[in-house]
C-alpha cells in the first residue's frame, strides 16, 4: 500500500531563466538567420514545455504529482518550482477547515426527536489518501461527520428527566460528549488522511413538535423542587417556633392550639403570595 511521499522539485527561477534564453534565441534566429528557420520551431516547443512545468505553491498548500496515472510524490514546501511538464498537478490545501453540519433531526436514546448540529475543525494530514483513497475528501468529511453525529445522538438521552440513571447525557455532559464525538469522527476520517483538530456540538434542542411540552415538564420539575425546599424550611421554622415558645414559657398551648398554630404558620411560610393576616383582638379562646 502506497503512502505519502514528499519530493523536492527543481528551482523554478533557474528554469525561468532558461525559458527566457530559449525564447530570445528562437526570436533572434527568425530575424538574424543564425540557423535555418525551422530550428526555431523546436526551440519554441521546448519553451512551451518548460513554462508548463512551473509550480507556485503558497504556504500550507501542496501539489500531488502524478505521471500517466502513477503517483510520483507530493510537494509541500512553499515557493516557486519547476517539475516535469507532463505531471498532473493536483492542489490540496493543508490549511485548517471549518465544517458546520446542518441541523439534523434525530431521535435520542429515549426516542425523543431532537435537533442537533456540530462544528468540526479539520485539515489534510496525508495528501495521498485524500487524493486517491476517497472520491471527494471534502464531501467525505461532511457526510461522515453527520453520520457520526447521528450515531452518537441515538446512544445518549437528551437529559436525565426520563432516564434518571443516566450518568451521561447530551445536555449535561458536554465535555465528555464532545470528546467522544471528536474520537468517532477522527476514526471515520482516518481513511481519507484527515486529522480532526476539534469537534463539538454547536446546537442542541428538542424538536419543535415536543419543545413546548418538554419546556412545561422542565418548569414543573423546577417548581416541585423549589416547593420541596420551601416546605422543608417551613417545617423547620415551625418546629423552632414551638420549641422557643415552650422553652421560654411565653404561652401554654394544648394540642389543638398547636395544630392551629402549625397550620397558620405553614400557610404563611409556604404561600407563593403575600398573606393578609386577620388580627384577633379578643382573648386567645375566641
C-alpha atoms as a PDB file:
ATOM      1  CA  UNK A   1       0.000   0.000   0.000  1.00  0.00           C
ATOM      2  CA  UNK A   2       1.399   3.361  -1.027  1.00  0.00           C
ATOM      3  CA  UNK A   3       1.733   6.238   1.373  1.00  0.00           C
ATOM      4  CA  UNK A   4       2.531   9.907   1.024  1.00  0.00           C
ATOM      5  CA  UNK A   5       5.989  10.658  -0.405  1.00  0.00           C
ATOM      6  CA  UNK A   6       7.412  14.162  -0.179  1.00  0.00           C
ATOM      7  CA  UNK A   7       9.633  15.322  -3.032  1.00  0.00           C
ATOM      8  CA  UNK A   8      11.695  18.446  -3.702  1.00  0.00           C
ATOM      9  CA  UNK A   9      11.366  19.716  -7.310  1.00  0.00           C
ATOM     10  CA  UNK A  10      13.825  21.882  -9.223  1.00  0.00           C
ATOM     11  CA  UNK A  11      14.033  25.599  -8.520  1.00  0.00           C
ATOM     12  CA  UNK A  12      11.654  27.493 -10.754  1.00  0.00           C
ATOM     13  CA  UNK A  13      13.918  30.524 -11.082  1.00  0.00           C
ATOM     14  CA  UNK A  14      16.645  28.558 -12.900  1.00  0.00           C
ATOM     15  CA  UNK A  15      14.153  27.115 -15.381  1.00  0.00           C
ATOM     16  CA  UNK A  16      12.592  30.564 -15.813  1.00  0.00           C
ATOM     17  CA  UNK A  17      15.983  31.898 -16.882  1.00  0.00           C
ATOM     18  CA  UNK A  18      16.427  29.003 -19.323  1.00  0.00           C
ATOM     19  CA  UNK A  19      12.972  29.640 -20.786  1.00  0.00           C
ATOM     20  CA  UNK A  20      13.836  33.310 -21.384  1.00  0.00           C
ATOM     21  CA  UNK A  21      17.078  32.263 -23.134  1.00  0.00           C
ATOM     22  CA  UNK A  22      15.212  29.836 -25.404  1.00  0.00           C
ATOM     23  CA  UNK A  23      12.574  32.430 -26.250  1.00  0.00           C
ATOM     24  CA  UNK A  24      15.182  35.035 -27.073  1.00  0.00           C
ATOM     25  CA  UNK A  25      17.195  32.554 -29.162  1.00  0.00           C
ATOM     26  CA  UNK A  26      14.150  31.479 -31.154  1.00  0.00           C
ATOM     27  CA  UNK A  27      13.105  35.067 -31.905  1.00  0.00           C
ATOM     28  CA  UNK A  28      16.662  36.136 -32.752  1.00  0.00           C
ATOM     29  CA  UNK A  29      17.066  33.205 -35.144  1.00  0.00           C
ATOM     30  CA  UNK A  30      13.957  34.271 -37.042  1.00  0.00           C
ATOM     31  CA  UNK A  31      15.285  37.758 -37.652  1.00  0.00           C
ATOM     32  CA  UNK A  32      19.052  37.163 -37.821  1.00  0.00           C
ATOM     33  CA  UNK A  33      19.006  33.795 -39.584  1.00  0.00           C
ATOM     34  CA  UNK A  34      21.785  32.247 -37.499  1.00  0.00           C
ATOM     35  CA  UNK A  35      20.341  28.826 -38.252  1.00  0.00           C
ATOM     36  CA  UNK A  36      17.668  27.586 -40.624  1.00  0.00           C
ATOM     37  CA  UNK A  37      14.234  28.974 -39.793  1.00  0.00           C
ATOM     38  CA  UNK A  38      12.795  25.540 -38.955  1.00  0.00           C
ATOM     39  CA  UNK A  39      15.209  25.315 -35.997  1.00  0.00           C
ATOM     40  CA  UNK A  40      13.138  27.973 -34.216  1.00  0.00           C
ATOM     41  CA  UNK A  41      10.149  25.570 -34.142  1.00  0.00           C
ATOM     42  CA  UNK A  42      11.652  23.020 -31.714  1.00  0.00           C
ATOM     43  CA  UNK A  43      13.096  25.920 -29.685  1.00  0.00           C
ATOM     44  CA  UNK A  44       9.607  27.322 -29.184  1.00  0.00           C
ATOM     45  CA  UNK A  45       8.273  23.814 -28.406  1.00  0.00           C
ATOM     46  CA  UNK A  46      10.889  23.403 -25.683  1.00  0.00           C
ATOM     47  CA  UNK A  47       9.997  26.856 -24.390  1.00  0.00           C
ATOM     48  CA  UNK A  48       6.299  25.932 -24.130  1.00  0.00           C
ATOM     49  CA  UNK A  49       7.156  22.683 -22.355  1.00  0.00           C
ATOM     50  CA  UNK A  50       9.309  24.475 -19.821  1.00  0.00           C
ATOM     51  CA  UNK A  51       6.749  27.145 -18.921  1.00  0.00           C
ATOM     52  CA  UNK A  52       4.044  24.484 -18.474  1.00  0.00           C
ATOM     53  CA  UNK A  53       6.083  22.885 -15.678  1.00  0.00           C
ATOM     54  CA  UNK A  54       6.175  25.841 -13.292  1.00  0.00           C
ATOM     55  CA  UNK A  55       4.693  25.477  -9.783  1.00  0.00           C
ATOM     56  CA  UNK A  56       3.874  28.352  -7.441  1.00  0.00           C
ATOM     57  CA  UNK A  57       2.952  26.896  -4.033  1.00  0.00           C
ATOM     58  CA  UNK A  58       1.683  29.125  -1.241  1.00  0.00           C
ATOM     59  CA  UNK A  59       2.214  28.329   2.479  1.00  0.00           C
ATOM     60  CA  UNK A  60       0.119  25.457   3.912  1.00  0.00           C
ATOM     61  CA  UNK A  61      -0.666  24.183   0.453  1.00  0.00           C
ATOM     62  CA  UNK A  62       0.622  21.216  -1.577  1.00  0.00           C
ATOM     63  CA  UNK A  63       0.633  19.661  -5.018  1.00  0.00           C
ATOM     64  CA  UNK A  64       0.108  15.955  -5.644  1.00  0.00           C
ATOM     65  CA  UNK A  65       2.052  14.913  -8.758  1.00  0.00           C
ATOM     66  CA  UNK A  66       1.089  12.002 -10.993  1.00  0.00           C
ATOM     67  CA  UNK A  67       2.573  10.862 -14.309  1.00  0.00           C
ATOM     68  CA  UNK A  68       0.318   8.814 -16.579  1.00  0.00           C
ATOM     69  CA  UNK A  69      -1.630   7.549 -13.561  1.00  0.00           C
ATOM     70  CA  UNK A  70       1.428   6.789 -11.421  1.00  0.00           C
ATOM     71  CA  UNK A  71       1.854   8.684  -8.150  1.00  0.00           C
ATOM     72  CA  UNK A  72       5.250  10.403  -8.076  1.00  0.00           C
ATOM     73  CA  UNK A  73       5.107  12.383  -4.848  1.00  0.00           C
ATOM     74  CA  UNK A  74       3.795  15.458  -3.062  1.00  0.00           C
ATOM     75  CA  UNK A  75       5.356  18.908  -2.961  1.00  0.00           C
ATOM     76  CA  UNK A  76       4.647  20.526   0.414  1.00  0.00           C
ATOM     77  CA  UNK A  77       7.311  23.220   0.548  1.00  0.00           C
ATOM     78  CA  UNK A  78       6.094  26.682  -0.408  1.00  0.00           C
ATOM     79  CA  UNK A  79       7.887  28.588  -3.154  1.00  0.00           C
ATOM     80  CA  UNK A  80       8.449  28.714  -6.921  1.00  0.00           C
ATOM     81  CA  UNK A  81       9.422  25.379  -8.508  1.00  0.00           C
ATOM     82  CA  UNK A  82       9.588  23.507 -11.777  1.00  0.00           C
ATOM     83  CA  UNK A  83       8.521  19.899 -12.340  1.00  0.00           C
ATOM     84  CA  UNK A  84       8.065  17.594 -15.290  1.00  0.00           C
ATOM     85  CA  UNK A  85       5.555  19.352 -17.596  1.00  0.00           C
ATOM     86  CA  UNK A  86       3.777  16.030 -18.151  1.00  0.00           C
ATOM     87  CA  UNK A  87       2.951  15.749 -14.445  1.00  0.00           C
ATOM     88  CA  UNK A  88      -0.695  16.218 -13.462  1.00  0.00           C
ATOM     89  CA  UNK A  89      -0.579  18.620 -10.533  1.00  0.00           C
ATOM     90  CA  UNK A  90      -3.498  18.365  -8.093  1.00  0.00           C
ATOM     91  CA  UNK A  91      -3.753  21.112  -5.499  1.00  0.00           C
ATOM     92  CA  UNK A  92      -4.626  20.064  -1.943  1.00  0.00           C
ATOM     93  CA  UNK A  93      -4.845  22.665   0.807  1.00  0.00           C
ATOM     94  CA  UNK A  94      -3.385  21.763   4.188  1.00  0.00           C
ATOM     95  CA  UNK A  95      -4.960  24.692   5.986  1.00  0.00           C
ATOM     96  CA  UNK A  96      -7.467  24.152   8.806  1.00  0.00           C
ATOM     97  CA  UNK A  97     -11.070  23.955   7.614  1.00  0.00           C
ATOM     98  CA  UNK A  98     -14.304  24.651   9.484  1.00  0.00           C
ATOM     99  CA  UNK A  99     -17.329  22.467   8.863  1.00  0.00           C
ATOM    100  CA  UNK A 100     -20.677  23.272  10.467  1.00  0.00           C
ATOM    101  CA  UNK A 101     -23.155  20.497   9.865  1.00  0.00           C
ATOM    102  CA  UNK A 102     -26.763  21.233   9.116  1.00  0.00           C
ATOM    103  CA  UNK A 103     -29.232  20.881  11.980  1.00  0.00           C
ATOM    104  CA  UNK A 104     -30.139  17.202  11.999  1.00  0.00           C
ATOM    105  CA  UNK A 105     -33.433  15.881  13.309  1.00  0.00           C
ATOM    106  CA  UNK A 106     -32.751  12.610  15.132  1.00  0.00           C
ATOM    107  CA  UNK A 107     -34.187  10.562  17.986  1.00  0.00           C
ATOM    108  CA  UNK A 108     -32.236  10.337  21.224  1.00  0.00           C
ATOM    109  CA  UNK A 109     -31.896   7.174  23.313  1.00  0.00           C
ATOM    110  CA  UNK A 110     -35.417   7.624  24.726  1.00  0.00           C
ATOM    111  CA  UNK A 111     -36.927   8.158  21.280  1.00  0.00           C
ATOM    112  CA  UNK A 112     -37.482  11.902  21.705  1.00  0.00           C
ATOM    113  CA  UNK A 113     -36.958  13.902  18.493  1.00  0.00           C
ATOM    114  CA  UNK A 114     -34.161  16.462  18.884  1.00  0.00           C
ATOM    115  CA  UNK A 115     -32.363  18.963  16.670  1.00  0.00           C
ATOM    116  CA  UNK A 116     -28.579  18.741  16.806  1.00  0.00           C
ATOM    117  CA  UNK A 117     -25.634  20.222  14.892  1.00  0.00           C
ATOM    118  CA  UNK A 118     -21.865  20.198  15.282  1.00  0.00           C
ATOM    119  CA  UNK A 119     -18.765  22.150  14.298  1.00  0.00           C
ATOM    120  CA  UNK A 120     -15.736  20.183  13.079  1.00  0.00           C
ATOM    121  CA  UNK A 121     -12.261  21.689  12.598  1.00  0.00           C
ATOM    122  CA  UNK A 122     -10.117  19.514  10.323  1.00  0.00           C
ATOM    123  CA  UNK A 123      -7.171  19.526   7.945  1.00  0.00           C
ATOM    124  CA  UNK A 124      -5.484  17.156   5.484  1.00  0.00           C
ATOM    125  CA  UNK A 125      -2.649  15.196   7.095  1.00  0.00           C
ATOM    126  CA  UNK A 126      -1.951  12.633   4.331  1.00  0.00           C
ATOM    127  CA  UNK A 127      -2.270  14.023   0.815  1.00  0.00           C
ATOM    128  CA  UNK A 128      -2.007  10.594  -0.841  1.00  0.00           C
ATOM    129  CA  UNK A 129      -5.049   9.247   0.993  1.00  0.00           C
ATOM    130  CA  UNK A 130      -7.019  12.443   0.488  1.00  0.00           C
ATOM    131  CA  UNK A 131      -6.306  12.372  -3.243  1.00  0.00           C
ATOM    132  CA  UNK A 132      -6.641   8.671  -4.053  1.00  0.00           C
ATOM    133  CA  UNK A 133      -8.409   6.745  -1.249  1.00  0.00           C
ATOM    134  CA  UNK A 134     -11.690   8.683  -1.483  1.00  0.00           C
ATOM    135  CA  UNK A 135     -13.505  10.246  -4.420  1.00  0.00           C
ATOM    136  CA  UNK A 136     -14.015  13.699  -2.882  1.00  0.00           C
ATOM    137  CA  UNK A 137     -12.397  14.197   0.517  1.00  0.00           C
ATOM    138  CA  UNK A 138     -14.309  17.392   1.361  1.00  0.00           C
ATOM    139  CA  UNK A 139     -17.675  15.718   0.724  1.00  0.00           C
ATOM    140  CA  UNK A 140     -16.411  12.663   2.605  1.00  0.00           C
ATOM    141  CA  UNK A 141     -15.694  14.829   5.671  1.00  0.00           C
ATOM    142  CA  UNK A 142     -19.178  16.351   5.566  1.00  0.00           C
ATOM    143  CA  UNK A 143     -21.093  13.067   5.215  1.00  0.00           C
ATOM    144  CA  UNK A 144     -19.046  11.126   7.782  1.00  0.00           C
ATOM    145  CA  UNK A 145     -19.275  13.954  10.332  1.00  0.00           C
ATOM    146  CA  UNK A 146     -23.061  13.988  10.080  1.00  0.00           C
ATOM    147  CA  UNK A 147     -23.160  10.189  10.274  1.00  0.00           C
ATOM    148  CA  UNK A 148     -21.037  10.161  13.448  1.00  0.00           C
ATOM    149  CA  UNK A 149     -23.231  12.878  14.984  1.00  0.00           C
ATOM    150  CA  UNK A 150     -26.395  10.874  14.258  1.00  0.00           C
ATOM    151  CA  UNK A 151     -24.897   7.710  15.738  1.00  0.00           C
ATOM    152  CA  UNK A 152     -23.831   9.437  18.957  1.00  0.00           C
ATOM    153  CA  UNK A 153     -27.191  11.220  19.354  1.00  0.00           C
ATOM    154  CA  UNK A 154     -29.031   7.899  19.294  1.00  0.00           C
ATOM    155  CA  UNK A 155     -26.803   6.400  22.003  1.00  0.00           C
ATOM    156  CA  UNK A 156     -27.470   9.031  24.696  1.00  0.00           C
ATOM    157  CA  UNK A 157     -30.509  10.737  26.176  1.00  0.00           C
ATOM    158  CA  UNK A 158     -31.068  14.466  25.769  1.00  0.00           C
ATOM    159  CA  UNK A 159     -31.282  14.820  29.567  1.00  0.00           C
ATOM    160  CA  UNK A 160     -31.966  12.620  32.596  1.00  0.00           C
ATOM    161  CA  UNK A 161     -35.620  13.523  33.173  1.00  0.00           C
ATOM    162  CA  UNK A 162     -36.813  10.234  31.699  1.00  0.00           C
ATOM    163  CA  UNK A 163     -33.617   8.273  32.280  1.00  0.00           C
ATOM    164  CA  UNK A 164     -32.713   9.170  35.863  1.00  0.00           C
ATOM    165  CA  UNK A 165     -29.963   6.522  35.993  1.00  0.00           C
ATOM    166  CA  UNK A 166     -28.102   8.049  33.041  1.00  0.00           C
ATOM    167  CA  UNK A 167     -24.658   9.242  34.117  1.00  0.00           C
ATOM    168  CA  UNK A 168     -24.036  10.987  30.814  1.00  0.00           C
ATOM    169  CA  UNK A 169     -26.487  12.976  28.680  1.00  0.00           C
ATOM    170  CA  UNK A 170     -26.180  15.195  25.637  1.00  0.00           C
ATOM    171  CA  UNK A 171     -27.101  18.322  27.579  1.00  0.00           C
ATOM    172  CA  UNK A 172     -25.289  17.885  30.891  1.00  0.00           C
ATOM    173  CA  UNK A 173     -22.093  16.103  29.797  1.00  0.00           C
ATOM    174  CA  UNK A 174     -20.898  18.458  27.073  1.00  0.00           C
ATOM    175  CA  UNK A 175     -17.166  17.917  27.621  1.00  0.00           C
ATOM    176  CA  UNK A 176     -17.352  14.118  27.565  1.00  0.00           C
ATOM    177  CA  UNK A 177     -19.805  14.090  24.651  1.00  0.00           C
ATOM    178  CA  UNK A 178     -17.589  16.419  22.589  1.00  0.00           C
ATOM    179  CA  UNK A 179     -14.544  14.237  23.276  1.00  0.00           C
ATOM    180  CA  UNK A 180     -16.381  11.114  22.124  1.00  0.00           C
ATOM    181  CA  UNK A 181     -17.730  12.907  19.062  1.00  0.00           C
ATOM    182  CA  UNK A 182     -14.212  14.035  18.124  1.00  0.00           C
ATOM    183  CA  UNK A 183     -12.875  10.488  18.529  1.00  0.00           C
ATOM    184  CA  UNK A 184     -15.717   8.981  16.478  1.00  0.00           C
ATOM    185  CA  UNK A 185     -15.249  11.446  13.617  1.00  0.00           C
ATOM    186  CA  UNK A 186     -11.446  11.036  13.691  1.00  0.00           C
ATOM    187  CA  UNK A 187     -11.773   7.249  13.299  1.00  0.00           C
ATOM    188  CA  UNK A 188     -14.068   7.642  10.305  1.00  0.00           C
ATOM    189  CA  UNK A 189     -11.932  10.279   8.571  1.00  0.00           C
ATOM    190  CA  UNK A 190      -8.621   8.468   9.046  1.00  0.00           C
ATOM    191  CA  UNK A 191      -9.411   6.581   5.817  1.00  0.00           C
ATOM    192  CA  UNK A 192      -9.064   9.848   3.895  1.00  0.00           C
ATOM    193  CA  UNK A 193      -5.942  11.009   5.731  1.00  0.00           C
ATOM    194  CA  UNK A 194      -7.869  13.731   7.581  1.00  0.00           C
ATOM    195  CA  UNK A 195      -6.789  14.984  11.006  1.00  0.00           C
ATOM    196  CA  UNK A 196      -9.609  16.188  13.273  1.00  0.00           C
ATOM    197  CA  UNK A 197      -8.442  19.154  15.358  1.00  0.00           C
ATOM    198  CA  UNK A 198     -11.691  19.742  17.234  1.00  0.00           C
ATOM    199  CA  UNK A 199     -15.317  18.611  17.157  1.00  0.00           C
ATOM    200  CA  UNK A 200     -18.092  19.953  19.349  1.00  0.00           C
ATOM    201  CA  UNK A 201     -21.876  20.234  19.439  1.00  0.00           C
ATOM    202  CA  UNK A 202     -22.963  23.711  18.335  1.00  0.00           C
ATOM    203  CA  UNK A 203     -26.752  23.332  18.577  1.00  0.00           C
ATOM    204  CA  UNK A 204     -28.921  21.112  20.770  1.00  0.00           C
ATOM    205  CA  UNK A 205     -32.662  21.440  21.317  1.00  0.00           C
ATOM    206  CA  UNK A 206     -35.856  19.445  21.333  1.00  0.00           C
ATOM    207  CA  UNK A 207     -37.669  19.254  18.010  1.00  0.00           C
ATOM    208  CA  UNK A 208     -40.398  21.840  17.522  1.00  0.00           C
ATOM    209  CA  UNK A 209     -43.286  19.401  17.927  1.00  0.00           C
ATOM    210  CA  UNK A 210     -42.332  18.487  21.509  1.00  0.00           C
ATOM    211  CA  UNK A 211     -40.381  21.570  22.584  1.00  0.00           C
ATOM    212  CA  UNK A 212     -43.387  23.191  24.308  1.00  0.00           C
ATOM    213  CA  UNK A 213     -44.303  20.045  26.239  1.00  0.00           C
ATOM    214  CA  UNK A 214     -40.719  19.458  27.334  1.00  0.00           C
ATOM    215  CA  UNK A 215     -40.402  23.071  28.492  1.00  0.00           C
ATOM    216  CA  UNK A 216     -43.526  22.687  30.634  1.00  0.00           C
ATOM    217  CA  UNK A 217     -42.103  19.495  32.110  1.00  0.00           C
ATOM    218  CA  UNK A 218     -38.843  21.223  32.967  1.00  0.00           C
ATOM    219  CA  UNK A 219     -40.728  24.125  34.540  1.00  0.00           C
ATOM    220  CA  UNK A 220     -42.898  21.732  36.571  1.00  0.00           C
ATOM    221  CA  UNK A 221     -39.806  19.901  37.802  1.00  0.00           C
ATOM    222  CA  UNK A 222     -38.232  23.182  38.863  1.00  0.00           C
ATOM    223  CA  UNK A 223     -41.397  24.260  40.675  1.00  0.00           C
ATOM    224  CA  UNK A 224     -41.639  20.944  42.524  1.00  0.00           C
ATOM    225  CA  UNK A 225     -38.008  21.164  43.583  1.00  0.00           C
ATOM    226  CA  UNK A 226     -38.481  24.724  44.819  1.00  0.00           C
ATOM    227  CA  UNK A 227     -41.674  23.851  46.712  1.00  0.00           C
ATOM    228  CA  UNK A 228     -39.972  20.891  48.369  1.00  0.00           C
ATOM    229  CA  UNK A 229     -37.232  23.174  49.604  1.00  0.00           C
ATOM    230  CA  UNK A 230     -39.747  25.746  50.851  1.00  0.00           C
ATOM    231  CA  UNK A 231     -41.789  23.131  52.748  1.00  0.00           C
ATOM    232  CA  UNK A 232     -38.632  21.672  54.292  1.00  0.00           C
ATOM    233  CA  UNK A 233     -37.589  25.110  55.513  1.00  0.00           C
ATOM    234  CA  UNK A 234     -41.083  25.983  56.738  1.00  0.00           C
ATOM    235  CA  UNK A 235     -41.349  22.806  58.834  1.00  0.00           C
ATOM    236  CA  UNK A 236     -38.010  23.619  60.461  1.00  0.00           C
ATOM    237  CA  UNK A 237     -39.127  27.172  61.266  1.00  0.00           C
ATOM    238  CA  UNK A 238     -42.407  25.959  62.811  1.00  0.00           C
ATOM    239  CA  UNK A 239     -40.507  23.437  64.915  1.00  0.00           C
ATOM    240  CA  UNK A 240     -38.137  26.165  66.131  1.00  0.00           C
ATOM    241  CA  UNK A 241     -41.072  28.462  66.938  1.00  0.00           C
ATOM    242  CA  UNK A 242     -42.851  25.816  69.037  1.00  0.00           C
ATOM    243  CA  UNK A 243     -39.651  24.912  70.900  1.00  0.00           C
ATOM    244  CA  UNK A 244     -38.921  28.588  71.648  1.00  0.00           C
ATOM    245  CA  UNK A 245     -42.452  29.239  72.967  1.00  0.00           C
ATOM    246  CA  UNK A 246     -42.336  26.141  75.140  1.00  0.00           C
ATOM    247  CA  UNK A 247     -38.829  26.831  76.458  1.00  0.00           C
ATOM    248  CA  UNK A 248     -39.484  30.470  77.367  1.00  0.00           C
ATOM    249  CA  UNK A 249     -42.981  29.675  78.667  1.00  0.00           C
ATOM    250  CA  UNK A 250     -44.431  32.646  76.822  1.00  0.00           C
ATOM    251  CA  UNK A 251     -47.718  30.864  76.274  1.00  0.00           C
ATOM    252  CA  UNK A 252     -49.013  27.380  77.052  1.00  0.00           C
ATOM    253  CA  UNK A 253     -50.670  25.674  74.108  1.00  0.00           C
ATOM    254  CA  UNK A 254     -52.652  22.493  74.145  1.00  0.00           C
ATOM    255  CA  UNK A 255     -52.576  20.084  71.203  1.00  0.00           C
ATOM    256  CA  UNK A 256     -55.464  21.766  69.394  1.00  0.00           C
ATOM    257  CA  UNK A 257     -53.839  25.206  69.679  1.00  0.00           C
ATOM    258  CA  UNK A 258     -50.520  23.798  68.491  1.00  0.00           C
ATOM    259  CA  UNK A 259     -52.232  22.236  65.476  1.00  0.00           C
ATOM    260  CA  UNK A 260     -53.910  25.537  64.631  1.00  0.00           C
ATOM    261  CA  UNK A 261     -50.650  27.434  65.022  1.00  0.00           C
ATOM    262  CA  UNK A 262     -48.752  24.957  62.843  1.00  0.00           C
ATOM    263  CA  UNK A 263     -51.436  25.202  60.181  1.00  0.00           C
ATOM    264  CA  UNK A 264     -51.361  29.023  60.175  1.00  0.00           C
ATOM    265  CA  UNK A 265     -47.560  29.206  60.073  1.00  0.00           C
ATOM    266  CA  UNK A 266     -47.310  26.738  57.207  1.00  0.00           C
ATOM    267  CA  UNK A 267     -49.864  28.718  55.218  1.00  0.00           C
ATOM    268  CA  UNK A 268     -47.894  31.920  55.786  1.00  0.00           C
ATOM    269  CA  UNK A 269     -44.476  30.417  55.052  1.00  0.00           C
ATOM    270  CA  UNK A 270     -45.420  28.223  52.074  1.00  0.00           C
ATOM    271  CA  UNK A 271     -47.720  30.602  50.262  1.00  0.00           C
ATOM    272  CA  UNK A 272     -46.440  31.995  46.963  1.00  0.00           C
ATOM    273  CA  UNK A 273     -48.304  35.265  47.593  1.00  0.00           C
ATOM    274  CA  UNK A 274     -48.290  37.849  50.343  1.00  0.00           C
ATOM    275  CA  UNK A 275     -50.611  36.750  53.190  1.00  0.00           C
ATOM    276  CA  UNK A 276     -53.156  39.158  54.670  1.00  0.00           C
ATOM    277  CA  UNK A 277     -53.447  38.183  58.346  1.00  0.00           C
ATOM    278  CA  UNK A 278     -56.647  38.509  60.420  1.00  0.00           C
ATOM    279  CA  UNK A 279     -55.855  40.048  63.820  1.00  0.00           C
ATOM    280  CA  UNK A 280     -57.736  38.669  66.821  1.00  0.00           C
ATOM    281  CA  UNK A 281     -58.380  41.480  69.317  1.00  0.00           C
ATOM    282  CA  UNK A 282     -60.213  39.291  71.824  1.00  0.00           C
ATOM    283  CA  UNK A 283     -58.958  36.518  74.010  1.00  0.00           C
ATOM    284  CA  UNK A 284     -56.968  33.563  72.864  1.00  0.00           C
ATOM    285  CA  UNK A 285     -60.060  31.315  73.091  1.00  0.00           C
ATOM    286  CA  UNK A 286     -62.212  33.487  70.793  1.00  0.00           C
END
